[in-house]
PDB file of N, CA and C in Angstrom:
ATOM      1  N   MET A   1       0.840  -1.202   0.000  1.00  0.00           N
ATOM      2  CA  MET A   1       0.000   0.000   0.000  1.00  0.00           C
ATOM      3  C   MET A   1       0.874   1.250   0.000  1.00  0.00           C
ATOM      4  N   ASN A   2       2.007   1.193   0.702  1.00  0.00           N
ATOM      5  CA  ASN A   2       2.889   2.353   0.762  1.00  0.00           C
ATOM      6  C   ASN A   2       3.442   2.675  -0.624  1.00  0.00           C
ATOM      7  N   VAL A   3       3.848   1.634  -1.360  1.00  0.00           N
ATOM      8  CA  VAL A   3       4.377   1.853  -2.708  1.00  0.00           C
ATOM      9  C   VAL A   3       3.290   2.426  -3.605  1.00  0.00           C
ATOM     10  N   TYR A   4       2.073   1.931  -3.448  1.00  0.00           N
ATOM     11  CA  TYR A   4       0.962   2.430  -4.263  1.00  0.00           C
ATOM     12  C   TYR A   4       0.723   3.920  -3.992  1.00  0.00           C
ATOM     13  N   CYS A   5       0.799   4.312  -2.724  1.00  0.00           N
ATOM     14  CA  CYS A   5       0.608   5.728  -2.386  1.00  0.00           C
ATOM     15  C   CYS A   5       1.724   6.576  -2.981  1.00  0.00           C
ATOM     16  N   LYS A   6       2.953   6.058  -2.947  1.00  0.00           N
ATOM     17  CA  LYS A   6       4.071   6.808  -3.525  1.00  0.00           C
ATOM     18  C   LYS A   6       3.870   6.989  -5.027  1.00  0.00           C
ATOM     19  N   ILE A   7       3.430   5.925  -5.702  1.00  0.00           N
ATOM     20  CA  ILE A   7       3.218   6.011  -7.152  1.00  0.00           C
ATOM     21  C   ILE A   7       2.103   7.012  -7.447  1.00  0.00           C
ATOM     22  N   ARG A   8       1.032   6.979  -6.657  1.00  0.00           N
ATOM     23  CA  ARG A   8      -0.064   7.933  -6.882  1.00  0.00           C
ATOM     24  C   ARG A   8       0.413   9.363  -6.692  1.00  0.00           C
ATOM     25  N   THR A   9       1.231   9.595  -5.648  1.00  0.00           N
ATOM     26  CA  THR A   9       1.743  10.944  -5.414  1.00  0.00           C
ATOM     27  C   THR A   9       2.629  11.385  -6.567  1.00  0.00           C
ATOM     28  N   LEU A  10       3.463  10.469  -7.063  1.00  0.00           N
ATOM     29  CA  LEU A  10       4.348  10.800  -8.178  1.00  0.00           C
ATOM     30  C   LEU A  10       3.537  11.154  -9.416  1.00  0.00           C
ATOM     31  N   VAL A  11       2.512  10.350  -9.710  1.00  0.00           N
ATOM     32  CA  VAL A  11       1.680  10.624 -10.888  1.00  0.00           C
ATOM     33  C   VAL A  11       0.972  11.967 -10.737  1.00  0.00           C
ATOM     34  N   LYS A  12       0.488  12.251  -9.526  1.00  0.00           N
ATOM     35  CA  LYS A  12      -0.185  13.537  -9.299  1.00  0.00           C
ATOM     36  C   LYS A  12       0.775  14.693  -9.539  1.00  0.00           C
ATOM     37  N   SER A  13       1.987  14.607  -9.008  1.00  0.00           N
ATOM     38  CA  SER A  13       2.930  15.710  -9.163  1.00  0.00           C
ATOM     39  C   SER A  13       3.329  15.881 -10.624  1.00  0.00           C
ATOM     40  N   VAL A  14       3.520  14.761 -11.337  1.00  0.00           N
ATOM     41  CA  VAL A  14       3.902  14.851 -12.751  1.00  0.00           C
ATOM     42  C   VAL A  14       2.779  15.479 -13.562  1.00  0.00           C
ATOM     43  N   SER A  15       1.547  15.047 -13.321  1.00  0.00           N
ATOM     44  CA  SER A  15       0.423  15.609 -14.084  1.00  0.00           C
ATOM     45  C   SER A  15       0.218  17.075 -13.727  1.00  0.00           C
ATOM     46  N   ALA A  16       0.428  17.444 -12.466  1.00  0.00           N
ATOM     47  CA  ALA A  16       0.285  18.847 -12.076  1.00  0.00           C
ATOM     48  C   ALA A  16       1.359  19.697 -12.750  1.00  0.00           C
ATOM     49  N   ALA A  17       2.597  19.184 -12.794  1.00  0.00           N
ATOM     50  CA  ALA A  17       3.665  19.926 -13.459  1.00  0.00           C
ATOM     51  C   ALA A  17       3.388  20.050 -14.950  1.00  0.00           C
ATOM     52  N   PHE A  18       2.859  18.990 -15.551  1.00  0.00           N
ATOM     53  CA  PHE A  18       2.533  19.036 -16.979  1.00  0.00           C
ATOM     54  C   PHE A  18       1.445  20.070 -17.243  1.00  0.00           C
ATOM     55  N   ALA A  19       0.416  20.079 -16.387  1.00  0.00           N
ATOM     56  CA  ALA A  19      -0.669  21.055 -16.562  1.00  0.00           C
ATOM     57  C   ALA A  19      -0.139  22.473 -16.389  1.00  0.00           C
ATOM     58  N   ALA A  20       0.727  22.678 -15.399  1.00  0.00           N
ATOM     59  CA  ALA A  20       1.292  24.011 -15.191  1.00  0.00           C
ATOM     60  C   ALA A  20       2.129  24.430 -16.393  1.00  0.00           C
ATOM     61  N   GLY A  21       2.884  23.483 -16.963  1.00  0.00           N
ATOM     62  CA  GLY A  21       3.679  23.798 -18.150  1.00  0.00           C
ATOM     63  C   GLY A  21       2.809  24.162 -19.337  1.00  0.00           C
ATOM     64  N   VAL A  22       1.695  23.443 -19.500  1.00  0.00           N
ATOM     65  CA  VAL A  22       0.786  23.755 -20.615  1.00  0.00           C
ATOM     66  C   VAL A  22       0.192  25.148 -20.429  1.00  0.00           C
ATOM     67  N   VAL A  23      -0.245  25.457 -19.201  1.00  0.00           N
ATOM     68  CA  VAL A  23      -0.835  26.776 -18.942  1.00  0.00           C
ATOM     69  C   VAL A  23       0.204  27.869 -19.162  1.00  0.00           C
ATOM     70  N   ALA A  24       1.432  27.650 -18.668  1.00  0.00           N
ATOM     71  CA  ALA A  24       2.479  28.654 -18.857  1.00  0.00           C
ATOM     72  C   ALA A  24       2.786  28.835 -20.335  1.00  0.00           C
ATOM     73  N   GLY A  25       2.819  27.737 -21.076  1.00  0.00           N
ATOM     74  CA  GLY A  25       3.075  27.830 -22.512  1.00  0.00           C
ATOM     75  C   GLY A  25       1.992  28.611 -23.224  1.00  0.00           C
ATOM     76  N   LEU A  26       0.739  28.385 -22.840  1.00  0.00           N
ATOM     77  CA  LEU A  26      -0.360  29.131 -23.465  1.00  0.00           C
ATOM     78  C   LEU A  26      -0.266  30.610 -23.107  1.00  0.00           C
ATOM     79  N   LEU A  27       0.075  30.915 -21.851  1.00  0.00           N
ATOM     80  CA  LEU A  27       0.192  32.320 -21.451  1.00  0.00           C
ATOM     81  C   LEU A  27       1.320  33.002 -22.215  1.00  0.00           C
ATOM     82  N   VAL A  28       2.460  32.324 -22.344  1.00  0.00           N
ATOM     83  CA  VAL A  28       3.589  32.903 -23.078  1.00  0.00           C
ATOM     84  C   VAL A  28       3.214  33.096 -24.537  1.00  0.00           C
ATOM     85  N   ALA A  29       2.517  32.114 -25.123  1.00  0.00           N
ATOM     86  CA  ALA A  29       2.140  32.225 -26.534  1.00  0.00           C
ATOM     87  C   ALA A  29       1.172  33.381 -26.734  1.00  0.00           C
ATOM     88  N   SER A  30       0.181  33.508 -25.860  1.00  0.00           N
ATOM     89  CA  SER A  30      -0.781  34.604 -26.019  1.00  0.00           C
ATOM     90  C   SER A  30      -0.106  35.943 -25.751  1.00  0.00           C
ATOM     91  N   GLY A  31       0.829  35.982 -24.789  1.00  0.00           N
ATOM     92  CA  GLY A  31       1.551  37.226 -24.526  1.00  0.00           C
ATOM     93  C   GLY A  31       2.414  37.620 -25.710  1.00  0.00           C
ATOM     94  N   THR A  32       3.046  36.640 -26.349  1.00  0.00           N
ATOM     95  CA  THR A  32       3.864  36.929 -27.523  1.00  0.00           C
ATOM     96  C   THR A  32       2.983  37.414 -28.669  1.00  0.00           C
ATOM     97  N   ALA A  33       1.801  36.831 -28.801  1.00  0.00           N
ATOM     98  CA  ALA A  33       0.900  37.253 -29.872  1.00  0.00           C
ATOM     99  C   ALA A  33       0.382  38.662 -29.597  1.00  0.00           C
ATOM    100  N   ALA A  34       0.168  38.993 -28.313  1.00  0.00           N
ATOM    101  CA  ALA A  34      -0.363  40.311 -27.979  1.00  0.00           C
ATOM    102  C   ALA A  34       0.719  41.377 -28.117  1.00  0.00           C
ATOM    103  N   GLU A  35       1.983  41.026 -27.821  1.00  0.00           N
ATOM    104  CA  GLU A  35       3.071  41.999 -27.896  1.00  0.00           C
ATOM    105  C   GLU A  35       4.184  41.445 -28.781  1.00  0.00           C
ATOM    106  N   PRO A  36       4.026  41.487 -30.091  1.00  0.00           N
ATOM    107  CA  PRO A  36       5.047  40.912 -30.972  1.00  0.00           C
ATOM    108  C   PRO A  36       6.336  41.716 -30.991  1.00  0.00           C
ATOM    109  N   ALA A  37       6.304  42.982 -30.540  1.00  0.00           N
ATOM    110  CA  ALA A  37       7.488  43.833 -30.597  1.00  0.00           C
ATOM    111  C   ALA A  37       8.275  43.817 -29.291  1.00  0.00           C
ATOM    112  N   ALA A  38       7.892  42.963 -28.331  1.00  0.00           N
ATOM    113  CA  ALA A  38       8.605  42.931 -27.059  1.00  0.00           C
ATOM    114  C   ALA A  38      10.030  42.432 -27.285  1.00  0.00           C
ATOM    115  N   PRO A  39      11.034  43.204 -26.894  1.00  0.00           N
ATOM    116  CA  PRO A  39      12.421  42.813 -27.172  1.00  0.00           C
ATOM    117  C   PRO A  39      12.951  41.731 -26.241  1.00  0.00           C
ATOM    118  N   ILE A  40      12.358  41.611 -25.031  1.00  0.00           N
ATOM    119  CA  ILE A  40      12.881  40.669 -24.035  1.00  0.00           C
ATOM    120  C   ILE A  40      11.964  39.456 -23.964  1.00  0.00           C
ATOM    121  N   PRO A  41      12.492  38.238 -24.149  1.00  0.00           N
ATOM    122  CA  PRO A  41      11.670  37.030 -24.017  1.00  0.00           C
ATOM    123  C   PRO A  41      11.141  36.885 -22.596  1.00  0.00           C
ATOM    124  N   ALA A  42       9.995  36.233 -22.468  1.00  0.00           N
ATOM    125  CA  ALA A  42       9.378  36.063 -21.150  1.00  0.00           C
ATOM    126  C   ALA A  42      10.262  35.224 -20.238  1.00  0.00           C
ATOM    127  N   SER A  43      10.970  34.229 -20.789  1.00  0.00           N
ATOM    128  CA  SER A  43      11.781  33.351 -19.944  1.00  0.00           C
ATOM    129  C   SER A  43      12.911  34.132 -19.285  1.00  0.00           C
ATOM    130  N   SER A  44      13.580  35.018 -20.021  1.00  0.00           N
ATOM    131  CA  SER A  44      14.670  35.783 -19.422  1.00  0.00           C
ATOM    132  C   SER A  44      14.120  36.800 -18.430  1.00  0.00           C
ATOM    133  N   TRP A  45      12.923  37.314 -18.677  1.00  0.00           N
ATOM    134  CA  TRP A  45      12.324  38.257 -17.735  1.00  0.00           C
ATOM    135  C   TRP A  45      12.000  37.556 -16.417  1.00  0.00           C
ATOM    136  N   VAL A  46      11.526  36.307 -16.498  1.00  0.00           N
ATOM    137  CA  VAL A  46      11.190  35.563 -15.282  1.00  0.00           C
ATOM    138  C   VAL A  46      12.453  35.220 -14.505  1.00  0.00           C
ATOM    139  N   GLN A  47      13.551  34.957 -15.205  1.00  0.00           N
ATOM    140  CA  GLN A  47      14.780  34.517 -14.536  1.00  0.00           C
ATOM    141  C   GLN A  47      15.448  35.648 -13.751  1.00  0.00           C
ATOM    142  N   ARG A  48      15.091  36.900 -13.970  1.00  0.00           N
ATOM    143  CA  ARG A  48      15.726  38.001 -13.242  1.00  0.00           C
ATOM    144  C   ARG A  48      15.364  37.973 -11.774  1.00  0.00           C
TER     145      ARG A  48
END
């Protein structure tokens, strides 16, 4: 049962990270479409 709980937690975290990545990708894509002349990429702005 302990191993099963660990696997469930791992799957939950992976799916949550995947969903967050998809949402972030959509936000970056829509932001790029809204501001095509922005000189600084969103990734470098976040890293500051």
